[in-house]
C-alpha atoms as a PDB file:
ATOM      1  CA  MET A   1      15.906  -4.271 -12.263  1.00  0.00           C
ATOM      2  CA  GLN A   2      16.804  -6.682  -9.406  1.00  0.00           C
ATOM      3  CA  ILE A   3      15.239  -9.712  -8.779  1.00  0.00           C
ATOM      4  CA  ARG A   4      15.454 -11.320  -5.125  1.00  0.00           C
ATOM      5  CA  ARG A   5      14.455 -14.573  -3.874  1.00  0.00           C
ATOM      6  CA  LEU A   6      12.601 -14.046  -0.365  1.00  0.00           C
ATOM      7  CA  GLY A   7      13.002 -16.148   2.997  1.00  0.00           C
ATOM      8  CA  PRO A   8      12.550 -16.358   6.300  1.00  0.00           C
ATOM      9  CA  GLY A   9      12.913 -12.684   7.946  1.00  0.00           C
ATOM     10  CA  ASP A  10      11.848 -10.523   4.721  1.00  0.00           C
ATOM     11  CA  GLU A  11       8.134 -10.518   5.672  1.00  0.00           C
ATOM     12  CA  ALA A  12       8.377  -6.781   6.007  1.00  0.00           C
ATOM     13  CA  ILE A  13       8.763  -6.748   2.146  1.00  0.00           C
ATOM     14  CA  VAL A  14       5.825  -8.844   1.515  1.00  0.00           C
ATOM     15  CA  THR A  15       3.701  -6.733   3.668  1.00  0.00           C
ATOM     16  CA  GLY A  16       4.935  -3.704   2.254  1.00  0.00           C
ATOM     17  CA  ALA A  17       3.589  -4.315  -1.326  1.00  0.00           C
ATOM     18  CA  ARG A  18       0.001  -5.013  -0.330  1.00  0.00           C
ATOM     19  CA  GLU A  19      -0.912  -3.491  -3.666  1.00  0.00           C
ATOM     20  CA  LEU A  20       0.267  -6.260  -5.746  1.00  0.00           C
ATOM     21  CA  PHE A  21      -1.730  -9.206  -3.425  1.00  0.00           C
ATOM     22  CA  ASP A  22      -5.375  -9.991  -3.917  1.00  0.00           C
ATOM     23  CA  ASP A  23      -5.549  -8.951  -0.146  1.00  0.00           C
ATOM     24  CA  PRO A  24      -3.364  -7.695   2.252  1.00  0.00           C
ATOM     25  CA  PRO A  25      -0.657 -10.257   2.906  1.00  0.00           C
ATOM     26  CA  THR A  26      -0.240 -10.828   6.922  1.00  0.00           C
ATOM     27  CA  HIS A  27       3.278 -11.222   8.843  1.00  0.00           C
ATOM     28  CA  GLU A  28       1.964 -14.809  10.026  1.00  0.00           C
ATOM     29  CA  TRP A  29       1.144 -15.968   6.654  1.00  0.00           C
ATOM     30  CA  SER A  30       4.161 -14.504   4.772  1.00  0.00           C
ATOM     31  CA  GLU A  31       6.767 -16.127   7.428  1.00  0.00           C
ATOM     32  CA  ARG A  32       4.333 -19.573   7.093  1.00  0.00           C
ATOM     33  CA  PHE A  33       5.083 -19.218   3.140  1.00  0.00           C
ATOM     34  CA  LEU A  34       8.929 -18.089   3.069  1.00  0.00           C
ATOM     35  CA  ARG A  35       9.746 -20.991   6.207  1.00  0.00           C
ATOM     36  CA  ALA A  36       7.831 -23.708   4.129  1.00  0.00           C
ATOM     37  CA  PRO A  37      10.399 -25.726   2.150  1.00  0.00           C
ATOM     38  CA  GLY A  38       9.466 -26.159  -1.332  1.00  0.00           C
ATOM     39  CA  HIS A  39       8.084 -22.241  -1.295  1.00  0.00           C
ATOM     40  CA  HIS A  40       9.389 -20.021  -3.166  1.00  0.00           C
ATOM     41  CA  LEU A  41       8.615 -15.930  -3.601  1.00  0.00           C
ATOM     42  CA  LEU A  42      10.814 -13.541  -6.053  1.00  0.00           C
ATOM     43  CA  VAL A  43      10.404  -9.906  -6.370  1.00  0.00           C
ATOM     44  CA  VAL A  44      11.561  -7.328  -8.817  1.00  0.00           C
ATOM     45  CA  LEU A  45      12.852  -4.541  -6.722  1.00  0.00           C
ATOM     46  CA  GLU A  46      12.938  -1.237  -7.983  1.00  0.00           C
ATOM     47  CA  GLY A  47      15.367   0.832  -5.185  1.00  0.00           C
ATOM     48  CA  PRO A  48      13.814  -0.444  -2.189  1.00  0.00           C
ATOM     49  CA  ARG A  49       9.657  -0.926  -3.519  1.00  0.00           C
ATOM     50  CA  ALA A  50       8.623  -4.311  -4.710  1.00  0.00           C
ATOM     51  CA  VAL A  51       6.898  -3.899  -8.091  1.00  0.00           C
ATOM     52  CA  GLY A  52       5.768  -7.718  -8.827  1.00  0.00           C
ATOM     53  CA  PHE A  53       6.488 -10.804  -7.524  1.00  0.00           C
ATOM     54  CA  VAL A  54       6.230 -14.531  -8.354  1.00  0.00           C
ATOM     55  CA  THR A  55       5.023 -17.457  -6.016  1.00  0.00           C
ATOM     56  CA  GLY A  56       6.120 -20.853  -6.676  1.00  0.00           C
ATOM     57  CA  VAL A  57       5.678 -24.153  -5.058  1.00  0.00           C
ATOM     58  CA  GLU A  58       7.146 -27.692  -5.331  1.00  0.00           C
ATOM     59  CA  THR A  59       5.232 -30.420  -5.725  1.00  0.00           C
ATOM     60  CA  THR A  60       6.399 -33.728  -5.478  1.00  0.00           C
ATOM     61  CA  HIS A  61       4.692 -37.286  -6.563  1.00  0.00           C
ATOM     62  CA  PRO A  62       5.791 -40.677  -6.294  1.00  0.00           C
ATOM     63  CA  ASP A  63       5.814 -41.652 -10.118  1.00  0.00           C
ATOM     64  CA  LYS A  64       7.015 -38.469 -11.581  1.00  0.00           C
ATOM     65  CA  GLY A  65       8.977 -36.652  -9.449  1.00  0.00           C
ATOM     66  CA  THR A  66       9.226 -32.844  -8.662  1.00  0.00           C
ATOM     67  CA  GLU A  67       7.736 -30.013 -10.588  1.00  0.00           C
ATOM     68  CA  MET A  68       7.464 -26.378  -9.969  1.00  0.00           C
ATOM     69  CA  PHE A  69       3.844 -24.993  -9.499  1.00  0.00           C
ATOM     70  CA  LEU A  70       3.797 -21.078 -10.833  1.00  0.00           C
ATOM     71  CA  TYR A  71       1.374 -20.062  -8.127  1.00  0.00           C
ATOM     72  CA  GLU A  72       0.458 -16.531  -9.275  1.00  0.00           C
ATOM     73  CA  LEU A  73       2.352 -13.797 -10.748  1.00  0.00           C
ATOM     74  CA  SER A  74       1.519 -10.125  -9.927  1.00  0.00           C
ATOM     75  CA  VAL A  75       3.221  -6.668 -11.431  1.00  0.00           C
ATOM     76  CA  ARG A  76       2.439  -2.985 -10.787  1.00  0.00           C
ATOM     77  CA  GLU A  77       0.106  -1.956 -13.107  1.00  0.00           C
ATOM     78  CA  ASP A  78       2.444   1.216 -14.143  1.00  0.00           C
ATOM     79  CA  GLU A  79       5.286  -0.963 -14.187  1.00  0.00           C
ATOM     80  CA  ARG A  80       3.931  -3.498 -16.616  1.00  0.00           C
ATOM     81  CA  ARG A  81       4.907  -4.321 -20.276  1.00  0.00           C
ATOM     82  CA  ARG A  82       8.728  -3.545 -19.166  1.00  0.00           C
ATOM     83  CA  GLY A  83       9.723  -7.043 -18.727  1.00  0.00           C
ATOM     84  CA  HIS A  84       9.189  -7.767 -15.053  1.00  0.00           C
ATOM     85  CA  GLY A  85       6.935 -10.649 -15.882  1.00  0.00           C
ATOM     86  CA  ARG A  86       8.598 -12.867 -18.072  1.00  0.00           C
ATOM     87  CA  ALA A  87      12.213 -11.738 -16.045  1.00  0.00           C
ATOM     88  CA  LEU A  88      10.026 -13.669 -13.244  1.00  0.00           C
ATOM     89  CA  VAL A  89       8.816 -16.251 -15.056  1.00  0.00           C
ATOM     90  CA  ASP A  90      12.415 -17.002 -16.083  1.00  0.00           C
ATOM     91  CA  ALA A  91      13.813 -16.950 -12.717  1.00  0.00           C
ATOM     92  CA  LEU A  92      11.242 -19.140 -11.314  1.00  0.00           C
ATOM     93  CA  ALA A  93      12.204 -21.793 -14.254  1.00  0.00           C
ATOM     94  CA  ALA A  94      16.160 -21.342 -13.222  1.00  0.00           C
ATOM     95  CA  LEU A  95      15.197 -21.971  -9.960  1.00  0.00           C
ATOM     96  CA  ALA A  96      13.527 -24.639 -10.778  1.00  0.00           C
ATOM     97  CA  ARG A  97      15.753 -26.290 -12.834  1.00  0.00           C
ATOM     98  CA  GLU A  98      18.765 -25.598 -10.025  1.00  0.00           C
ATOM     99  CA  ARG A  99      16.414 -27.655  -7.612  1.00  0.00           C
ATOM    100  CA  GLY A 100      16.251 -30.555  -9.941  1.00  0.00           C
ATOM    101  CA  CYS A 101      12.435 -30.136 -10.922  1.00  0.00           C
ATOM    102  CA  TYR A 102      11.295 -32.033 -14.162  1.00  0.00           C
ATOM    103  CA  GLY A 103       9.022 -28.908 -14.943  1.00  0.00           C
ATOM    104  CA  MET A 104       6.982 -26.168 -14.195  1.00  0.00           C
ATOM    105  CA  TRP A 105       3.243 -25.413 -14.484  1.00  0.00           C
ATOM    106  CA  VAL A 106       0.823 -22.346 -14.292  1.00  0.00           C
ATOM    107  CA  GLY A 107      -2.975 -22.043 -14.728  1.00  0.00           C
ATOM    108  CA  THR A 108      -5.071 -18.923 -15.938  1.00  0.00           C
ATOM    109  CA  GLU A 109      -7.718 -17.896 -17.310  1.00  0.00           C
ATOM    110  CA  HIS A 110      -7.922 -18.525 -20.990  1.00  0.00           C
ATOM    111  CA  ASP A 111      -8.797 -14.694 -22.106  1.00  0.00           C
ATOM    112  CA  ASN A 112      -6.349 -13.357 -19.832  1.00  0.00           C
ATOM    113  CA  ALA A 113      -4.203 -12.062 -22.694  1.00  0.00           C
ATOM    114  CA  ALA A 114      -1.570 -10.605 -20.614  1.00  0.00           C
ATOM    115  CA  ALA A 115      -0.841 -13.960 -18.531  1.00  0.00           C
ATOM    116  CA  LEU A 116      -0.777 -15.904 -21.441  1.00  0.00           C
ATOM    117  CA  ALA A 117       1.364 -13.554 -23.629  1.00  0.00           C
ATOM    118  CA  THR A 118       3.681 -13.529 -20.453  1.00  0.00           C
ATOM    119  CA  TYR A 119       3.771 -17.075 -20.279  1.00  0.00           C
ATOM    120  CA  ARG A 120       4.595 -18.087 -24.107  1.00  0.00           C
ATOM    121  CA  ALA A 121       7.519 -15.392 -24.129  1.00  0.00           C
ATOM    122  CA  ALA A 122       8.550 -16.730 -21.603  1.00  0.00           C
ATOM    123  CA  GLY A 123       8.804 -20.713 -23.289  1.00  0.00           C
ATOM    124  CA  ALA A 124       5.651 -22.144 -21.931  1.00  0.00           C
ATOM    125  CA  GLY A 125       3.965 -24.529 -24.439  1.00  0.00           C
ATOM    126  CA  GLU A 126       0.351 -25.579 -24.658  1.00  0.00           C
ATOM    127  CA  PRO A 127      -0.566 -28.371 -22.350  1.00  0.00           C
ATOM    128  CA  GLU A 128      -3.418 -30.582 -23.015  1.00  0.00           C
ATOM    129  CA  PRO A 129      -6.968 -28.794 -21.966  1.00  0.00           C
ATOM    130  CA  CYS A 130      -8.120 -29.708 -18.506  1.00  0.00           C
ATOM    131  CA  VAL A 131     -11.070 -29.121 -15.858  1.00  0.00           C
ATOM    132  CA  THR A 132     -10.348 -26.959 -12.883  1.00  0.00           C
ATOM    133  CA  LEU A 133     -12.373 -28.115  -9.683  1.00  0.00           C
ATOM    134  CA  ALA A 134     -12.132 -26.304  -6.323  1.00  0.00           C
ATOM    135  CA  TRP A 135     -13.362 -26.337  -2.691  1.00  0.00           C
ATOM    136  CA  THR A 136     -13.758 -24.013  -0.157  1.00  0.00           C
ATOM    137  CA  PHE A 137     -13.366 -24.623   3.353  1.00  0.00           C
ATOM    138  CA  ALA A 138     -14.827 -21.636   5.812  1.00  0.00           C
END
């Protein structure tokens, strides 16, 4: 298993892993994400093929400092239960420490057993309960 941190110029790896994403990633959006300061995309490669990814976004607040938001984690269904998800979360946590983040957080559904098991295995603890609200813009 090889974990690689992607950067500008790696858009083809992102767009070539369309089955890992909710919707097909575009070159334009991939390029924008990879060029944005504080945006991170790490992939697990099995040979030339990406079989999983994690994205993280650094967020800074004036009275808290910088933390890493684990935005999304995905592993191909046929590659699950082989440690890829935990390895990606561990790699993002290591990157967050390296970049001076004071912590990392993620949101998931209360009934997403696979995600909860992965995050707990990677050392995540239980936060205070919260309610998530969303705005959708056309």
